[in-house]
Amino acid sequence: MADTINVTIRLDRKVKENAERLFDELGMNMSTAFNIFARQALRQGKIPFEIYDRFYSEKNQAELDRRIADVEAGKNLSVHELIEAGDE
C-alpha cells in the first residue's frame, strides 16, 4: 500500500455538502475524488478542467462590444436597459 498522509482543506459548508452528495452518487468519497483530481493534475501538468470567468464568455464579450459601439455612436443607454441586460 502507498505511503499516505492526511491533508486538511477548507471549503464552504455548502460546497462540501454538495460535493459529498455528488461524489456519493458517483460511488466515491471526498478523499477518492481529491486523489483523482490530484493524479489527473499531475498527469496533465495542469488543472484537469477548464477554469473560466463568465465575464469573459463569448456572449458577454459580444454584448460589451455592442454596448461600446452604441456609446461610440452616441446612443445613450438608459439605466433600465443596463439592468435588464445584466439579468440575463
N, C-alpha and C. Protein backbone atom coordinates (compact mmCIF):
# COMPACT_ATOMS: atom_id res chain seq x y z
N MET A 1 0.84 -1.18 0.00
CA MET A 1 0.00 0.00 0.00
C MET A 1 0.88 1.24 0.00
N ALA A 2 0.43 2.28 -0.68
CA ALA A 2 1.18 3.52 -0.78
C ALA A 2 1.27 4.20 0.58
N ASP A 3 2.37 4.93 0.78
CA ASP A 3 2.56 5.72 1.98
C ASP A 3 1.63 6.93 1.89
N THR A 4 0.67 7.03 2.80
CA THR A 4 -0.31 8.12 2.73
C THR A 4 -0.16 9.07 3.92
N ILE A 5 -0.64 10.30 3.72
CA ILE A 5 -0.67 11.30 4.78
C ILE A 5 -2.06 11.94 4.79
N ASN A 6 -2.39 12.59 5.88
CA ASN A 6 -3.64 13.33 5.95
C ASN A 6 -3.41 14.75 5.47
N VAL A 7 -4.38 15.28 4.73
CA VAL A 7 -4.34 16.65 4.23
C VAL A 7 -5.63 17.33 4.70
N THR A 8 -5.51 18.55 5.20
CA THR A 8 -6.67 19.30 5.65
C THR A 8 -6.91 20.45 4.68
N ILE A 9 -8.15 20.57 4.21
CA ILE A 9 -8.51 21.69 3.34
C ILE A 9 -9.73 22.38 3.92
N ARG A 10 -9.92 23.63 3.56
CA ARG A 10 -11.10 24.38 3.99
C ARG A 10 -12.01 24.59 2.79
N LEU A 11 -13.30 24.30 3.00
CA LEU A 11 -14.32 24.50 1.98
C LEU A 11 -15.52 25.19 2.61
N ASP A 12 -16.23 25.94 1.81
CA ASP A 12 -17.52 26.46 2.23
C ASP A 12 -18.41 25.26 2.57
N ARG A 13 -19.18 25.38 3.63
CA ARG A 13 -20.01 24.25 4.09
C ARG A 13 -20.91 23.71 2.98
N LYS A 14 -21.58 24.60 2.25
CA LYS A 14 -22.50 24.16 1.18
C LYS A 14 -21.74 23.47 0.05
N VAL A 15 -20.56 23.98 -0.28
CA VAL A 15 -19.75 23.34 -1.33
C VAL A 15 -19.40 21.92 -0.90
N LYS A 16 -18.98 21.77 0.34
CA LYS A 16 -18.62 20.44 0.85
C LYS A 16 -19.81 19.49 0.81
N GLU A 17 -20.96 19.96 1.31
CA GLU A 17 -22.15 19.11 1.33
C GLU A 17 -22.56 18.70 -0.09
N ASN A 18 -22.56 19.66 -1.01
CA ASN A 18 -22.94 19.35 -2.40
C ASN A 18 -21.93 18.43 -3.06
N ALA A 19 -20.65 18.65 -2.78
CA ALA A 19 -19.60 17.79 -3.35
C ALA A 19 -19.73 16.37 -2.81
N GLU A 20 -19.95 16.23 -1.50
CA GLU A 20 -20.11 14.90 -0.93
C GLU A 20 -21.31 14.18 -1.54
N ARG A 21 -22.38 14.91 -1.76
CA ARG A 21 -23.58 14.32 -2.37
C ARG A 21 -23.27 13.84 -3.79
N LEU A 22 -22.60 14.69 -4.57
CA LEU A 22 -22.25 14.32 -5.94
C LEU A 22 -21.31 13.11 -5.96
N PHE A 23 -20.26 13.17 -5.16
CA PHE A 23 -19.28 12.07 -5.15
C PHE A 23 -19.92 10.77 -4.70
N ASP A 24 -20.83 10.86 -3.74
CA ASP A 24 -21.54 9.67 -3.29
C ASP A 24 -22.34 9.06 -4.44
N GLU A 25 -23.01 9.92 -5.22
CA GLU A 25 -23.77 9.44 -6.38
C GLU A 25 -22.84 8.77 -7.40
N LEU A 26 -21.59 9.21 -7.44
CA LEU A 26 -20.61 8.64 -8.37
C LEU A 26 -19.89 7.44 -7.77
N GLY A 27 -20.26 7.07 -6.54
CA GLY A 27 -19.69 5.89 -5.90
C GLY A 27 -18.33 6.11 -5.26
N MET A 28 -18.05 7.33 -4.83
CA MET A 28 -16.76 7.59 -4.19
C MET A 28 -16.94 8.57 -3.05
N ASN A 29 -15.92 8.69 -2.23
CA ASN A 29 -15.95 9.66 -1.15
C ASN A 29 -15.08 10.86 -1.52
N MET A 30 -15.05 11.85 -0.65
CA MET A 30 -14.29 13.08 -0.91
C MET A 30 -12.81 12.78 -1.11
N SER A 31 -12.27 11.89 -0.29
CA SER A 31 -10.85 11.55 -0.39
C SER A 31 -10.50 10.96 -1.76
N THR A 32 -11.33 10.04 -2.23
CA THR A 32 -11.10 9.43 -3.54
C THR A 32 -11.20 10.48 -4.64
N ALA A 33 -12.20 11.37 -4.55
CA ALA A 33 -12.38 12.41 -5.57
C ALA A 33 -11.16 13.33 -5.62
N PHE A 34 -10.66 13.74 -4.47
CA PHE A 34 -9.50 14.62 -4.46
C PHE A 34 -8.23 13.89 -4.92
N ASN A 35 -8.12 12.61 -4.64
CA ASN A 35 -6.99 11.83 -5.15
C ASN A 35 -7.03 11.76 -6.67
N ILE A 36 -8.23 11.55 -7.23
CA ILE A 36 -8.38 11.53 -8.69
C ILE A 36 -7.98 12.88 -9.27
N PHE A 37 -8.47 13.95 -8.65
CA PHE A 37 -8.12 15.30 -9.12
C PHE A 37 -6.61 15.49 -9.11
N ALA A 38 -5.95 15.18 -7.99
CA ALA A 38 -4.50 15.40 -7.87
C ALA A 38 -3.73 14.57 -8.89
N ARG A 39 -4.11 13.33 -9.06
CA ARG A 39 -3.41 12.46 -10.02
C ARG A 39 -3.57 12.95 -11.46
N GLN A 40 -4.78 13.38 -11.81
CA GLN A 40 -5.00 13.91 -13.16
C GLN A 40 -4.22 15.20 -13.38
N ALA A 41 -4.17 16.06 -12.36
CA ALA A 41 -3.40 17.29 -12.48
C ALA A 41 -1.93 16.98 -12.71
N LEU A 42 -1.41 16.01 -11.99
CA LEU A 42 -0.01 15.62 -12.18
C LEU A 42 0.24 15.00 -13.55
N ARG A 43 -0.66 14.14 -14.00
CA ARG A 43 -0.51 13.51 -15.33
C ARG A 43 -0.53 14.54 -16.45
N GLN A 44 -1.44 15.52 -16.32
CA GLN A 44 -1.62 16.50 -17.39
C GLN A 44 -0.71 17.72 -17.23
N GLY A 45 -0.15 17.89 -16.04
CA GLY A 45 0.70 19.05 -15.79
C GLY A 45 -0.08 20.35 -15.74
N LYS A 46 -1.38 20.25 -15.40
CA LYS A 46 -2.25 21.42 -15.33
C LYS A 46 -3.51 21.04 -14.57
N ILE A 47 -4.35 22.04 -14.29
CA ILE A 47 -5.67 21.75 -13.73
C ILE A 47 -6.42 20.94 -14.78
N PRO A 48 -6.99 19.80 -14.41
CA PRO A 48 -7.57 18.90 -15.43
C PRO A 48 -8.96 19.29 -15.93
N PHE A 49 -9.29 20.55 -15.88
CA PHE A 49 -10.54 21.05 -16.43
C PHE A 49 -10.37 22.53 -16.69
N GLU A 50 -11.27 23.08 -17.51
CA GLU A 50 -11.19 24.49 -17.86
C GLU A 50 -11.69 25.35 -16.71
N ILE A 51 -10.92 26.38 -16.39
CA ILE A 51 -11.33 27.36 -15.39
C ILE A 51 -11.64 28.64 -16.14
N TYR A 52 -12.82 29.18 -15.93
CA TYR A 52 -13.19 30.38 -16.66
C TYR A 52 -14.04 31.29 -15.79
N ASP A 53 -14.13 32.50 -16.24
CA ASP A 53 -14.96 33.51 -15.60
C ASP A 53 -16.03 33.89 -16.61
N ARG A 54 -17.30 33.82 -16.24
CA ARG A 54 -18.39 34.12 -17.18
C ARG A 54 -18.26 35.51 -17.78
N PHE A 55 -17.58 36.42 -17.09
CA PHE A 55 -17.38 37.76 -17.64
C PHE A 55 -16.72 37.69 -19.00
N TYR A 56 -15.81 36.74 -19.19
CA TYR A 56 -15.05 36.63 -20.43
C TYR A 56 -15.69 35.69 -21.45
N SER A 57 -16.93 35.26 -21.21
CA SER A 57 -17.59 34.38 -22.16
C SER A 57 -17.80 35.11 -23.49
N GLU A 58 -17.92 34.36 -24.56
CA GLU A 58 -18.13 34.97 -25.88
C GLU A 58 -19.40 35.81 -25.90
N LYS A 59 -20.46 35.32 -25.28
CA LYS A 59 -21.73 36.04 -25.26
C LYS A 59 -21.58 37.38 -24.54
N ASN A 60 -20.93 37.37 -23.40
CA ASN A 60 -20.76 38.61 -22.65
C ASN A 60 -19.84 39.59 -23.38
N GLN A 61 -18.77 39.07 -23.97
CA GLN A 61 -17.86 39.95 -24.70
C GLN A 61 -18.56 40.58 -25.90
N ALA A 62 -19.42 39.80 -26.57
CA ALA A 62 -20.18 40.34 -27.70
C ALA A 62 -21.13 41.44 -27.22
N GLU A 63 -21.75 41.24 -26.06
CA GLU A 63 -22.65 42.26 -25.50
C GLU A 63 -21.85 43.52 -25.14
N LEU A 64 -20.69 43.36 -24.56
CA LEU A 64 -19.85 44.52 -24.23
C LEU A 64 -19.42 45.26 -25.49
N ASP A 65 -19.04 44.51 -26.53
CA ASP A 65 -18.66 45.14 -27.80
C ASP A 65 -19.84 45.93 -28.39
N ARG A 66 -21.04 45.36 -28.30
CA ARG A 66 -22.23 46.04 -28.82
C ARG A 66 -22.47 47.34 -28.06
N ARG A 67 -22.33 47.27 -26.75
CA ARG A 67 -22.56 48.47 -25.94
C ARG A 67 -21.50 49.55 -26.20
N ILE A 68 -20.27 49.12 -26.36
CA ILE A 68 -19.21 50.08 -26.68
C ILE A 68 -19.52 50.76 -28.01
N ALA A 69 -19.94 49.98 -29.00
CA ALA A 69 -20.28 50.55 -30.31
C ALA A 69 -21.44 51.53 -30.17
N ASP A 70 -22.44 51.19 -29.34
CA ASP A 70 -23.58 52.10 -29.12
C ASP A 70 -23.11 53.41 -28.50
N VAL A 71 -22.25 53.32 -27.50
CA VAL A 71 -21.75 54.53 -26.83
C VAL A 71 -20.93 55.36 -27.81
N GLU A 72 -20.06 54.70 -28.59
CA GLU A 72 -19.24 55.41 -29.56
C GLU A 72 -20.10 56.06 -30.66
N ALA A 73 -21.26 55.45 -30.95
CA ALA A 73 -22.17 56.00 -31.96
C ALA A 73 -23.08 57.08 -31.37
N GLY A 74 -22.91 57.34 -30.08
CA GLY A 74 -23.70 58.40 -29.45
C GLY A 74 -25.04 57.95 -28.92
N LYS A 75 -25.30 56.67 -28.95
CA LYS A 75 -26.56 56.18 -28.41
C LYS A 75 -26.46 56.15 -26.89
N ASN A 76 -27.44 56.74 -26.24
CA ASN A 76 -27.47 56.73 -24.77
C ASN A 76 -28.24 55.51 -24.29
N LEU A 77 -27.65 54.77 -23.37
CA LEU A 77 -28.33 53.62 -22.78
C LEU A 77 -28.96 54.05 -21.47
N SER A 78 -30.20 53.69 -21.29
CA SER A 78 -30.87 54.02 -20.03
C SER A 78 -30.43 53.04 -18.96
N VAL A 79 -30.61 53.41 -17.73
CA VAL A 79 -30.29 52.52 -16.61
C VAL A 79 -31.11 51.24 -16.73
N HIS A 80 -32.37 51.36 -17.15
CA HIS A 80 -33.24 50.20 -17.30
C HIS A 80 -32.65 49.20 -18.30
N GLU A 81 -32.15 49.68 -19.42
CA GLU A 81 -31.55 48.79 -20.43
C GLU A 81 -30.35 48.04 -19.84
N LEU A 82 -29.53 48.73 -19.07
CA LEU A 82 -28.35 48.11 -18.49
C LEU A 82 -28.72 47.04 -17.46
N ILE A 83 -29.68 47.34 -16.62
CA ILE A 83 -30.12 46.38 -15.60
C ILE A 83 -30.76 45.17 -16.26
N GLU A 84 -31.61 45.40 -17.24
CA GLU A 84 -32.31 44.32 -17.92
C GLU A 84 -31.33 43.37 -18.59
N ALA A 85 -30.32 43.88 -19.26
CA ALA A 85 -29.33 43.05 -19.94
C ALA A 85 -28.49 42.28 -18.93
N GLY A 86 -28.24 42.88 -17.77
CA GLY A 86 -27.44 42.22 -16.75
C GLY A 86 -28.15 41.05 -16.08
N ASP A 87 -29.46 41.00 -16.17
CA ASP A 87 -30.24 39.94 -15.52
C ASP A 87 -30.33 38.68 -16.37
N GLU A 88 -29.85 38.72 -17.58
CA GLU A 88 -29.96 37.57 -18.49
C GLU A 88 -29.09 36.43 -18.02
